[in-house]
Amino acid sequence: MTRPAPRSMLDRRRFLSLAAAGVGLAGIGALGVAGCSSDSGSASGSGEKLDYISPTDPEVAAAEAARTSTGRTASFALAAGLSTVDLGGRLVNTWTYGAGAVAPELRLSAGDTLTASINNGVPADTSIHWHGIRVRNDMDGVPPVTQAAIASGTSFDYSFVAPDPGTYWYHSHSGLQADRGLFGALVVEDPNDASGADADAVLVLDDWVDGMGTTPDAVMAALNPALSGGHAGHGGGAAMPAPIGADDAAVATSLTSGGHGDSAVLGGMTQHIAYPMHLVNGRPPNDPAVIEAAPGSRLRLRIINAGAETPYRFAVAGHRLTVVAVDGYDVVPTETDAILIGMAQRYDVTVTVASGAWPVVAAVEGRPGYASTVLRSTDAAPLANPDVGGTIPELSRQLVLESDLRPAESVVLSSKPVDRDYRVDLLQAGDRYVWAMAGADAGKLVMKQGERVRITMTNTSTMWHPMHTHGHTFAIPDYGGLRRDTVNVLPGTSLAIEFDADNPGEWMFHCHNAYHFEAGMTANMMYIR
């Protein structure tokens, strides 16, 4: 496996996004833009020589060898290819890992080694990121940071121990491919699960645009013409998607010109794209993937927001939810009627299944739209019309936010002095679709193994950002130490995260709004010796 030098120059995505905002090279240096470093190996021009740990260095292999392993291997084969998918009677052409609009669900147990062979049959470079898993750095699936991109017509083998139980997912980390069909659920089962659930079901929520008269690349071009094509240096290569046609461009413009959503609980603006369809497990409301369970049983729902730009408010008609875990980490069980799920976040909730057929709704937060399915007890008849619309009473009742949750005692991050205390600004360049991570520390997020790291994010923009760290799960002090790998940072607020530097290598830290990410809101966290 080949890889560019670990200390690359300012990448093309960030350069183009800042150039589009009218920021010249001198301005880029003044901003301290994330990911910018000199060829000399100094930290943001400080003159200090740093000895970086790259994904192929011995420290990465040593960290993997130290993980608790069952000795078992779960093997999977995935083929990224061009597909025609039936979305409730509408046929769309897209890119998938199988025949459906969501990839096959992968399951294994904590401590198992996951091996996955990926064959790239799409006309572009690709990769797979194992979202939320403490993978070894060279298996994180982020070209060009942790591996060379998988070229069209070639294959790549991933192999790593999945050390922690929980609900995770996998997706392409190349351009906007995850806003096509290149994503799926990944469940790491806990042999010591204490939730008391009799069964579980995975619900993958998604906003869908590909093949609906346009493509994600056309949408990106409509939002920011300077980033046309949706790669901007991230996972791009010799084989790029076809040029954007006039019809695709026209539809993309219509989807992005209708204003933005608005939500008080997210601090204002919610999204820029009016997605034409929303799915649960790759199915639209008029053709749902029904969940069946015995009446009176305790069912664990593993809910994954795989959407690119859409937050969802989730509820089950006729049922209270008990939140038992977020992003793979247990919480103090918390009852509610509804939850709010940002992009890339996962919630595990339990319900006691009532007899009957019940709508399950994920309503778009801040603007019209919804995904839905049906929870049906095994003694109930099917609903005559499974698409009951996007409104059920539970959506407007008690709403538990992530700030209301607290970690289970077993997952609390131990108290320890902070060794490195960083501050990063999340910003938009005026009113343009240009997003960045900046500030004095953004370009020098370095750490040594064993250190406690704090990063305080200040959102100076007018829109919320679901911020995600690769390779690490953090604690949120303001939320009682809640553990997550993706947290929503509201506009006009500051929020700190803390984690132990226990997984050496070079890791991305970015906004998981896919279009903000492509427009420049990303940084790298780098281990040094």
Protein backbone atom coordinates (compact mmCIF):
# COMPACT_ATOMS: atom_id res chain seq x y z
CA MET A 1 0.00 0.00 0.00
CA THR A 2 1.44 3.39 -1.00
CA ARG A 3 0.88 6.66 0.76
CA PRO A 4 1.90 10.28 0.21
CA ALA A 5 4.36 11.84 2.65
CA PRO A 6 2.60 12.31 5.99
CA ARG A 7 3.20 16.06 6.09
CA SER A 8 1.42 17.18 2.95
CA MET A 9 0.94 20.82 2.04
CA LEU A 10 -2.38 22.65 2.33
CA ASP A 11 -4.74 20.35 0.45
CA ARG A 12 -6.70 21.38 -2.61
CA ARG A 13 -10.10 21.34 -0.87
CA ARG A 14 -9.08 23.89 1.75
CA PHE A 15 -7.11 25.97 -0.76
CA LEU A 16 -10.07 26.20 -3.16
CA SER A 17 -12.59 26.92 -0.43
CA LEU A 18 -10.52 29.77 0.96
CA ALA A 19 -9.65 31.07 -2.49
CA ALA A 20 -13.36 31.12 -3.31
CA ALA A 21 -13.86 33.32 -0.27
CA GLY A 22 -11.24 35.73 -1.54
CA VAL A 23 -8.61 34.72 1.01
CA GLY A 24 -5.13 34.90 -0.51
CA LEU A 25 -2.06 32.98 0.57
CA ALA A 26 -1.17 35.61 3.15
CA GLY A 27 -4.68 35.41 4.56
CA ILE A 28 -4.50 31.65 4.71
CA GLY A 29 -1.42 31.87 6.87
CA ALA A 30 -3.04 34.43 9.15
CA LEU A 31 -6.09 32.24 9.70
CA GLY A 32 -4.03 29.29 10.84
CA VAL A 33 -6.14 27.04 8.65
CA ALA A 34 -6.50 23.44 9.74
CA GLY A 35 -4.17 21.00 8.08
CA CYS A 36 -1.62 23.55 6.85
CA SER A 37 1.95 22.66 7.73
CA SER A 38 5.36 23.38 6.31
CA ASP A 39 7.53 20.86 4.54
CA SER A 40 10.15 21.27 7.26
CA GLY A 41 7.98 19.43 9.77
CA SER A 42 7.42 22.43 12.02
CA ALA A 43 4.11 23.06 13.76
CA SER A 44 2.34 25.93 12.01
CA GLY A 45 5.53 27.83 11.46
CA SER A 46 6.65 27.64 15.11
CA GLY A 47 10.09 26.42 14.08
CA GLU A 48 9.82 23.42 16.40
CA LYS A 49 10.91 20.24 14.62
CA LEU A 50 8.36 17.48 15.15
CA ASP A 51 8.78 13.76 14.62
CA TYR A 52 5.40 12.65 13.27
CA ILE A 53 3.99 9.13 13.51
CA SER A 54 2.64 7.99 10.16
CA PRO A 55 0.00 5.28 9.56
CA THR A 56 2.62 2.71 8.59
CA ASP A 57 4.93 3.26 11.57
CA PRO A 58 5.60 0.61 14.26
CA GLU A 59 3.61 2.50 16.91
CA VAL A 60 0.41 1.90 14.92
CA ALA A 61 1.03 -1.85 14.71
CA ALA A 62 1.91 -1.94 18.42
CA ALA A 63 -1.36 -0.26 19.39
CA GLU A 64 -3.28 -2.80 17.31
CA ALA A 65 -1.42 -5.72 18.88
CA ALA A 66 -2.34 -4.42 22.35
CA ARG A 67 -6.09 -4.55 21.69
CA THR A 68 -8.04 -7.38 23.29
CA SER A 69 -8.81 -9.95 20.60
CA THR A 70 -11.10 -12.97 20.56
CA GLY A 71 -8.97 -14.63 17.91
CA ARG A 72 -12.03 -14.89 15.67
CA THR A 73 -12.28 -13.33 12.22
CA ALA A 74 -15.41 -11.98 10.54
CA SER A 75 -14.82 -11.75 6.80
CA PHE A 76 -16.81 -9.69 4.33
CA ALA A 77 -16.60 -8.85 0.63
CA LEU A 78 -17.93 -5.56 -0.70
CA ALA A 79 -18.16 -4.46 -4.31
CA ALA A 80 -18.72 -0.80 -5.08
CA GLY A 81 -20.52 -0.57 -8.39
CA LEU A 82 -23.13 1.11 -10.55
CA SER A 83 -26.67 0.04 -9.71
CA THR A 84 -30.28 0.73 -10.54
CA VAL A 85 -32.29 0.92 -7.31
CA ASP A 86 -36.07 0.79 -6.86
CA LEU A 87 -37.16 3.53 -4.46
CA GLY A 88 -40.86 2.88 -3.99
CA GLY A 89 -41.51 2.43 -7.69
CA ARG A 90 -39.03 5.01 -8.92
CA LEU A 91 -35.90 3.57 -10.51
CA VAL A 92 -32.73 5.55 -9.91
CA ASN A 93 -29.18 5.05 -11.09
CA THR A 94 -26.61 5.31 -8.33
CA TRP A 95 -23.49 3.78 -6.77
CA THR A 96 -23.92 1.05 -4.17
CA TYR A 97 -22.19 -1.83 -2.37
CA GLY A 98 -25.02 -4.15 -3.39
CA ALA A 99 -28.46 -4.19 -4.94
CA GLY A 100 -30.14 -1.76 -2.53
CA ALA A 101 -29.94 1.89 -1.58
CA VAL A 102 -28.17 0.91 1.63
CA ALA A 103 -25.28 -1.56 1.86
CA PRO A 104 -25.40 -4.95 3.58
CA GLU A 105 -25.38 -4.85 7.38
CA LEU A 106 -22.12 -6.14 8.85
CA ARG A 107 -22.12 -7.84 12.28
CA LEU A 108 -19.40 -9.22 14.50
CA SER A 109 -18.57 -9.39 18.21
CA ALA A 110 -16.33 -7.12 20.25
CA GLY A 111 -12.73 -8.22 19.90
CA ASP A 112 -13.25 -9.97 16.57
CA THR A 113 -11.01 -9.11 13.64
CA LEU A 114 -12.94 -7.63 10.73
CA THR A 115 -11.56 -8.33 7.29
CA ALA A 116 -13.20 -6.74 4.29
CA SER A 117 -12.17 -6.95 0.66
CA ILE A 118 -13.42 -3.98 -1.34
CA ASN A 119 -13.54 -4.15 -5.13
CA ASN A 120 -13.92 -0.77 -6.79
CA GLY A 121 -16.25 -0.90 -9.77
CA VAL A 122 -17.25 2.77 -9.80
CA PRO A 123 -15.66 5.27 -12.20
CA ALA A 124 -13.72 7.10 -9.48
CA ASP A 125 -11.24 6.47 -6.70
CA THR A 126 -12.86 5.27 -3.49
CA SER A 127 -12.25 4.11 0.10
CA ILE A 128 -14.14 2.87 3.17
CA HIS A 129 -14.12 4.59 6.55
CA TRP A 130 -15.24 2.56 9.58
CA HIS A 131 -17.06 5.30 11.42
CA GLY A 132 -16.65 5.31 15.20
CA ILE A 133 -14.44 2.23 15.41
CA ARG A 134 -11.03 2.54 17.13
CA VAL A 135 -9.32 1.09 14.09
CA ARG A 136 -5.59 0.97 13.50
CA ASN A 137 -4.62 4.15 11.70
CA ASP A 138 -3.66 2.56 8.37
CA MET A 139 -7.15 0.99 8.14
CA ASP A 140 -9.14 4.21 8.71
CA GLY A 141 -9.95 4.56 5.02
CA VAL A 142 -9.13 8.22 4.47
CA PRO A 143 -7.10 8.94 1.32
CA PRO A 144 -4.61 10.51 1.12
CA VAL A 145 -4.13 10.70 4.91
CA THR A 146 -4.13 7.02 5.90
CA GLN A 147 -3.93 5.17 2.58
CA ALA A 148 -3.72 5.68 -1.14
CA ALA A 149 -7.15 5.85 -2.75
CA ILE A 150 -8.54 2.62 -4.22
CA ALA A 151 -8.42 3.28 -7.95
CA SER A 152 -11.28 2.29 -10.22
CA GLY A 153 -10.91 -1.34 -11.28
CA THR A 154 -8.71 -2.27 -8.32
CA SER A 155 -9.27 -3.72 -4.85
CA PHE A 156 -8.08 -3.24 -1.28
CA ASP A 157 -8.19 -5.42 1.83
CA TYR A 158 -9.05 -3.93 5.22
CA SER A 159 -8.21 -5.83 8.40
CA PHE A 160 -8.47 -4.63 12.00
CA VAL A 161 -9.69 -5.60 15.46
CA ALA A 162 -13.07 -4.09 16.39
CA PRO A 163 -12.41 -3.64 20.11
CA ASP A 164 -15.57 -1.92 21.35
CA PRO A 165 -19.21 -3.03 21.20
CA GLY A 166 -21.79 -0.67 19.79
CA THR A 167 -23.66 0.68 16.79
CA TYR A 168 -21.36 1.99 14.07
CA TRP A 169 -21.45 2.37 10.31
CA TYR A 170 -19.18 2.32 7.29
CA HIS A 171 -19.09 4.62 4.31
CA SER A 172 -16.95 5.88 1.50
CA HIS A 173 -14.64 8.68 2.57
CA SER A 174 -13.97 9.87 -0.97
CA GLY A 175 -15.69 12.98 -2.24
CA LEU A 176 -19.48 12.86 -1.88
CA GLN A 177 -19.82 9.13 -2.57
CA ALA A 178 -21.54 8.51 0.77
CA ASP A 179 -24.38 10.75 -0.46
CA ARG A 180 -24.94 8.19 -3.18
CA GLY A 181 -25.39 4.65 -1.85
CA LEU A 182 -21.93 3.82 -0.51
CA PHE A 183 -22.75 3.34 3.17
CA GLY A 184 -24.08 0.67 5.53
CA ALA A 185 -24.56 -0.37 9.16
CA LEU A 186 -21.83 -2.00 11.24
CA VAL A 187 -22.87 -3.60 14.54
CA VAL A 188 -20.31 -4.83 17.05
CA GLU A 189 -22.24 -7.02 19.45
CA ASP A 190 -21.59 -7.01 23.18
CA PRO A 191 -21.41 -10.50 24.71
CA ASN A 192 -22.13 -8.85 28.08
CA ASP A 193 -25.02 -6.66 26.92
CA ALA A 194 -27.03 -5.46 29.91
CA SER A 195 -29.84 -3.69 28.05
CA GLY A 196 -32.29 -6.55 28.61
CA ALA A 197 -33.38 -6.45 24.97
CA ASP A 198 -34.99 -9.56 23.52
CA ALA A 199 -34.05 -8.60 19.96
CA ASP A 200 -32.63 -5.71 18.00
CA ALA A 201 -33.23 -4.01 14.67
CA VAL A 202 -31.10 -1.51 12.76
CA LEU A 203 -32.68 1.60 11.25
CA VAL A 204 -30.47 3.51 8.81
CA LEU A 205 -31.84 6.99 8.08
CA ASP A 206 -30.77 8.75 4.90
CA ASP A 207 -31.47 11.79 2.75
CA TRP A 208 -31.49 10.83 -0.92
CA VAL A 209 -30.74 12.92 -4.01
CA ASP A 210 -28.67 10.76 -6.38
CA GLY A 211 -30.51 9.80 -9.56
CA MET A 212 -33.44 12.08 -8.72
CA GLY A 213 -32.71 14.30 -11.69
CA THR A 214 -29.33 15.29 -10.31
CA THR A 215 -26.27 14.07 -8.40
CA PRO A 216 -24.41 15.04 -5.20
CA ASP A 217 -21.61 16.47 -7.34
CA ALA A 218 -24.07 18.76 -9.10
CA VAL A 219 -25.48 19.83 -5.74
CA MET A 220 -21.99 20.69 -4.52
CA ALA A 221 -21.37 22.73 -7.66
CA ALA A 222 -24.64 24.59 -7.12
CA LEU A 223 -23.61 25.44 -3.56
CA ASN A 224 -20.04 26.37 -4.46
CA PRO A 225 -18.98 26.38 -8.14
CA ALA A 226 -15.31 26.53 -7.11
CA LEU A 227 -15.66 23.00 -5.73
CA SER A 228 -17.44 21.58 -8.79
CA GLY A 229 -17.18 17.80 -8.90
CA GLY A 230 -17.34 17.28 -5.18
CA HIS A 231 -13.79 15.99 -4.66
CA ALA A 232 -11.70 19.11 -4.01
CA GLY A 233 -8.64 16.97 -3.49
CA HIS A 234 -10.28 14.53 -1.11
CA GLY A 235 -9.96 11.03 -2.45
CA GLY A 236 -9.94 12.24 -6.02
CA GLY A 237 -7.80 10.71 -8.70
CA ALA A 238 -7.50 9.92 -12.36
CA ALA A 239 -11.02 8.54 -12.69
CA MET A 240 -13.54 11.24 -11.80
CA PRO A 241 -17.34 11.21 -12.24
CA ALA A 242 -18.72 12.46 -15.52
CA PRO A 243 -19.00 16.22 -16.04
CA ILE A 244 -22.16 17.81 -14.68
CA GLY A 245 -24.86 18.12 -17.33
CA ALA A 246 -27.20 21.07 -17.75
CA ASP A 247 -30.24 19.12 -16.54
CA ASP A 248 -28.43 17.91 -13.41
CA ALA A 249 -27.26 21.44 -12.73
CA ALA A 250 -30.76 22.87 -13.11
CA VAL A 251 -32.30 20.40 -10.65
CA ALA A 252 -29.44 20.92 -8.20
CA THR A 253 -29.99 24.67 -8.35
CA SER A 254 -33.69 24.22 -7.60
CA LEU A 255 -32.90 22.03 -4.58
CA THR A 256 -30.46 24.56 -3.14
CA SER A 257 -32.23 27.84 -3.90
CA GLY A 258 -35.31 27.45 -1.71
CA GLY A 259 -33.80 28.88 1.46
CA HIS A 260 -32.59 26.99 4.49
CA GLY A 261 -34.34 25.12 7.28
CA ASP A 262 -34.70 26.58 10.75
CA SER A 263 -34.83 24.95 14.19
CA ALA A 264 -34.71 26.50 17.65
CA VAL A 265 -33.12 23.39 19.17
CA LEU A 266 -30.28 23.57 16.63
CA GLY A 267 -29.82 27.30 17.05
CA GLY A 268 -31.23 28.47 13.73
CA MET A 269 -30.26 27.40 10.21
CA THR A 270 -30.43 23.62 9.73
CA GLN A 271 -29.66 22.76 6.09
CA HIS A 272 -29.31 24.16 2.57
CA ILE A 273 -30.60 21.24 0.48
CA ALA A 274 -34.28 20.33 0.01
CA TYR A 275 -33.77 16.59 -0.43
CA PRO A 276 -36.46 15.02 -2.65
CA MET A 277 -36.60 11.76 -0.68
CA HIS A 278 -35.81 10.37 2.78
CA LEU A 279 -35.31 6.68 3.47
CA VAL A 280 -35.23 4.12 6.27
CA ASN A 281 -33.08 1.11 5.42
CA GLY A 282 -33.07 2.20 1.80
CA ARG A 283 -36.86 2.30 1.49
CA PRO A 284 -39.22 5.30 1.14
CA PRO A 285 -42.40 5.77 3.22
CA ASN A 286 -44.70 4.29 0.56
CA ASP A 287 -42.73 1.02 0.50
CA PRO A 288 -41.31 0.58 4.01
CA ALA A 289 -39.03 -2.10 5.40
CA VAL A 290 -41.34 -3.31 8.17
CA ILE A 291 -39.90 -4.24 11.57
CA GLU A 292 -41.60 -7.20 13.25
CA ALA A 293 -41.35 -8.14 16.93
CA ALA A 294 -43.32 -10.14 19.46
CA PRO A 295 -45.88 -8.15 21.45
CA GLY A 296 -44.58 -7.35 24.92
CA SER A 297 -40.97 -7.96 23.90
CA ARG A 298 -38.21 -5.46 24.55
CA LEU A 299 -36.79 -4.35 21.22
CA ARG A 300 -33.51 -2.48 20.81
CA LEU A 301 -33.54 -0.08 17.88
CA ARG A 302 -30.09 0.87 16.59
CA ILE A 303 -30.68 4.17 14.78
CA ILE A 304 -28.02 5.53 12.43
CA ASN A 305 -28.23 8.90 10.70
CA ALA A 306 -26.34 8.22 7.48
CA GLY A 307 -27.66 11.41 5.91
CA ALA A 308 -25.30 13.90 4.32
CA GLU A 309 -27.02 17.11 5.44
CA THR A 310 -30.21 16.28 7.34
CA PRO A 311 -30.90 16.17 11.09
CA TYR A 312 -33.86 13.98 12.03
CA ARG A 313 -36.34 14.04 14.91
CA PHE A 314 -37.20 10.40 15.59
CA ALA A 315 -40.18 8.82 17.36
CA VAL A 316 -42.30 5.65 17.39
CA ALA A 317 -46.07 6.10 17.50
CA GLY A 318 -47.67 4.66 20.64
CA HIS A 319 -44.34 4.04 22.37
CA ARG A 320 -41.93 5.70 24.77
CA LEU A 321 -38.24 5.40 23.98
CA THR A 322 -35.51 4.58 26.47
CA VAL A 323 -32.12 5.83 25.29
CA VAL A 324 -29.48 3.29 26.35
CA ALA A 325 -26.44 4.21 24.23
CA VAL A 326 -25.09 6.85 21.85
CA ASP A 327 -22.28 6.38 19.35
CA GLY A 328 -21.55 2.94 20.81
CA TYR A 329 -21.23 4.06 24.45
CA ASP A 330 -23.77 3.33 27.18
CA VAL A 331 -25.68 6.14 28.85
CA VAL A 332 -27.79 6.33 31.99
CA PRO A 333 -31.13 4.98 30.64
CA THR A 334 -33.29 7.99 29.79
CA GLU A 335 -36.96 7.91 28.80
CA THR A 336 -38.41 10.23 26.19
CA ASP A 337 -40.90 10.46 23.36
CA ALA A 338 -38.47 11.71 20.72
CA ILE A 339 -34.76 12.16 20.02
CA LEU A 340 -32.81 14.45 17.70
CA ILE A 341 -30.10 12.78 15.61
CA GLY A 342 -27.40 14.74 13.80
CA MET A 343 -25.56 13.43 10.78
CA ALA A 344 -23.31 10.43 11.56
CA GLN A 345 -24.69 10.07 15.09
CA ARG A 346 -26.15 6.83 16.39
CA TYR A 347 -28.72 6.26 19.13
CA ASP A 348 -29.66 2.94 20.68
CA VAL A 349 -33.15 3.00 22.19
CA THR A 350 -35.35 0.28 23.62
CA VAL A 351 -39.12 0.03 23.31
CA THR A 352 -41.60 -2.40 24.81
CA VAL A 353 -43.53 -3.50 21.75
CA ALA A 354 -47.26 -2.85 21.96
CA SER A 355 -49.69 -5.00 20.01
CA GLY A 356 -50.50 -3.40 16.67
CA ALA A 357 -48.87 -1.75 13.69
CA TRP A 358 -47.14 1.52 14.53
CA PRO A 359 -45.61 4.24 12.35
CA VAL A 360 -41.93 4.94 12.99
CA VAL A 361 -41.09 8.45 11.80
CA ALA A 362 -37.85 10.37 11.31
CA ALA A 363 -39.01 13.91 10.55
CA VAL A 364 -36.60 16.34 8.94
CA GLU A 365 -35.71 18.88 11.61
CA GLY A 366 -36.32 22.43 10.47
CA ARG A 367 -38.08 21.94 7.16
CA PRO A 368 -40.71 19.65 5.54
CA GLY A 369 -39.80 16.05 4.82
CA TYR A 370 -39.67 12.70 6.57
CA ALA A 371 -38.56 9.10 6.42
CA SER A 372 -40.74 6.40 7.91
CA THR A 373 -41.28 2.71 8.40
CA VAL A 374 -43.59 0.49 10.47
CA LEU A 375 -43.12 -1.42 13.72
CA ARG A 376 -45.60 -4.30 13.70
CA SER A 377 -46.18 -6.84 16.43
CA THR A 378 -46.37 -10.41 15.18
CA ASP A 379 -50.04 -10.65 16.18
CA ALA A 380 -51.12 -7.58 14.18
CA ALA A 381 -52.42 -7.08 10.66
CA PRO A 382 -50.45 -4.85 8.27
CA LEU A 383 -51.38 -1.18 7.97
CA ALA A 384 -53.64 -0.60 4.99
CA ASN A 385 -51.57 2.48 4.13
CA PRO A 386 -48.09 2.29 5.68
CA ASP A 387 -47.27 5.88 4.70
CA VAL A 388 -49.11 7.85 7.39
CA GLY A 389 -47.26 11.10 6.76
CA GLY A 390 -44.53 12.78 8.71
CA THR A 391 -46.50 13.79 11.79
CA ILE A 392 -47.22 11.65 14.85
CA PRO A 393 -48.02 13.09 18.31
CA GLU A 394 -44.81 11.79 19.87
CA LEU A 395 -42.70 14.10 17.70
CA SER A 396 -44.07 17.18 19.49
CA ARG A 397 -43.91 15.72 23.00
CA GLN A 398 -40.84 15.27 25.20
CA LEU A 399 -37.61 15.69 23.23
CA VAL A 400 -34.34 14.55 24.78
CA LEU A 401 -31.23 16.23 23.41
CA GLU A 402 -27.68 14.94 23.69
CA SER A 403 -27.02 17.60 26.34
CA ASP A 404 -29.65 15.90 28.53
CA LEU A 405 -27.87 12.53 28.52
CA ARG A 406 -25.22 11.31 30.94
CA PRO A 407 -22.68 8.51 30.52
CA ALA A 408 -23.06 5.17 32.22
CA GLU A 409 -20.57 4.79 35.05
CA SER A 410 -18.77 2.02 33.17
CA VAL A 411 -17.76 4.34 30.30
CA VAL A 412 -16.86 7.54 32.18
CA LEU A 413 -13.50 8.93 31.09
CA SER A 414 -11.24 8.94 34.13
CA SER A 415 -10.24 12.27 35.65
CA LYS A 416 -6.81 13.43 34.53
CA PRO A 417 -5.00 16.75 34.00
CA VAL A 418 -5.13 18.10 30.47
CA ASP A 419 -1.77 17.96 28.71
CA ARG A 420 -2.72 19.79 25.53
CA ASP A 421 -5.47 22.41 25.42
CA TYR A 422 -6.44 23.55 21.92
CA ARG A 423 -8.97 26.05 20.59
CA VAL A 424 -10.50 25.87 17.12
CA ASP A 425 -12.97 28.19 15.41
CA LEU A 426 -15.70 26.84 13.13
CA LEU A 427 -16.44 29.51 10.57
CA GLN A 428 -18.11 30.46 7.33
CA ALA A 429 -16.49 32.95 4.96
CA GLY A 430 -19.12 35.68 4.85
CA ASP A 431 -22.28 34.55 3.10
CA ARG A 432 -20.46 32.22 0.69
CA TYR A 433 -20.64 28.44 0.85
CA VAL A 434 -17.12 28.25 2.26
CA TRP A 435 -16.57 26.55 5.62
CA ALA A 436 -13.37 26.14 7.59
CA MET A 437 -11.72 25.24 10.86
CA ALA A 438 -9.36 28.04 11.78
CA GLY A 439 -7.72 29.86 14.64
CA ALA A 440 -4.31 29.74 16.24
CA ASP A 441 -4.42 26.02 17.04
CA ALA A 442 -6.30 24.60 14.04
CA GLY A 443 -3.20 23.77 12.03
CA LYS A 444 -1.18 22.22 14.85
CA LEU A 445 -3.35 19.66 16.62
CA VAL A 446 -0.40 17.53 17.69
CA MET A 447 -0.26 15.10 20.61
CA LYS A 448 1.83 12.36 22.15
CA GLN A 449 0.60 8.92 23.08
CA GLY A 450 -0.75 8.84 26.63
CA GLU A 451 -1.65 12.53 26.81
CA ARG A 452 -5.04 13.96 27.71
CA VAL A 453 -6.19 16.34 24.97
CA ARG A 454 -8.86 19.02 25.14
CA ILE A 455 -10.20 20.79 22.04
CA THR A 456 -12.60 23.69 22.53
CA MET A 457 -14.63 24.45 19.43
CA THR A 458 -16.19 27.90 19.01
CA ASN A 459 -18.84 28.07 16.32
CA THR A 460 -18.70 31.58 14.87
CA SER A 461 -20.97 30.67 11.96
CA THR A 462 -24.77 30.86 11.80
CA MET A 463 -25.24 27.10 11.36
CA TRP A 464 -24.74 24.04 13.56
CA HIS A 465 -21.98 21.51 12.86
CA PRO A 466 -21.83 17.79 13.77
CA MET A 467 -18.13 17.50 14.62
CA HIS A 468 -16.46 14.08 14.34
CA THR A 469 -13.09 12.74 15.45
CA HIS A 470 -11.59 9.73 13.71
CA GLY A 471 -10.02 6.96 15.77
CA HIS A 472 -11.12 8.38 19.13
CA THR A 473 -14.24 8.70 21.25
CA PHE A 474 -14.29 11.83 23.38
CA ALA A 475 -15.98 12.99 26.57
CA ILE A 476 -18.02 16.21 26.67
CA PRO A 477 -17.45 17.91 30.05
CA ASP A 478 -20.46 20.22 29.68
CA TYR A 479 -22.67 17.15 29.23
CA GLY A 480 -21.45 15.38 32.34
CA GLY A 481 -18.74 13.54 30.41
CA LEU A 482 -21.08 12.02 27.80
CA ARG A 483 -19.05 9.86 25.40
CA ARG A 484 -19.45 10.38 21.65
CA ASP A 485 -17.47 10.47 18.44
CA THR A 486 -19.80 13.03 16.80
CA VAL A 487 -21.27 16.01 18.65
CA ASN A 488 -23.46 18.89 17.50
CA VAL A 489 -21.92 22.33 18.03
CA LEU A 490 -24.59 25.04 17.83
CA PRO A 491 -24.02 28.49 16.32
CA GLY A 492 -22.68 31.13 18.66
CA THR A 493 -21.56 28.57 21.25
CA SER A 494 -18.34 26.97 22.46
CA LEU A 495 -18.07 23.30 23.33
CA ALA A 496 -15.07 21.36 24.63
CA ILE A 497 -14.24 17.72 24.06
CA GLU A 498 -11.60 15.68 25.88
CA PHE A 499 -9.98 12.37 25.00
CA ASP A 500 -6.93 10.26 25.70
CA ALA A 501 -4.38 10.06 22.91
CA ASP A 502 -4.30 6.27 22.81
CA ASN A 503 -4.42 5.49 19.09
CA PRO A 504 -1.28 6.74 17.31
CA GLY A 505 -1.19 7.97 13.75
CA GLU A 506 -2.75 10.82 11.79
CA TRP A 507 -6.51 11.32 12.08
CA MET A 508 -9.14 13.53 10.53
CA PHE A 509 -11.30 15.84 12.66
CA HIS A 510 -14.13 17.39 10.66
CA CYS A 511 -17.71 18.49 10.27
CA HIS A 512 -19.94 15.57 9.22
CA ASN A 513 -22.20 17.73 7.12
CA ALA A 514 -20.83 16.18 3.93
CA TYR A 515 -21.04 19.43 1.99
CA HIS A 516 -19.36 21.49 4.72
CA PHE A 517 -16.60 18.89 4.79
CA GLU A 518 -16.10 19.10 1.04
CA ALA A 519 -16.09 22.90 1.32
CA GLY A 520 -13.20 22.87 3.78
CA MET A 521 -14.33 22.24 7.38
CA THR A 522 -11.67 19.71 8.31
CA ALA A 523 -8.41 19.40 10.23
CA ASN A 524 -5.90 16.67 11.07
CA MET A 525 -4.91 15.43 14.53
CA MET A 526 -1.29 14.28 14.40
CA TYR A 527 0.70 12.13 16.82
CA ILE A 528 4.33 12.96 17.45
CA ARG A 529 7.13 11.13 19.24
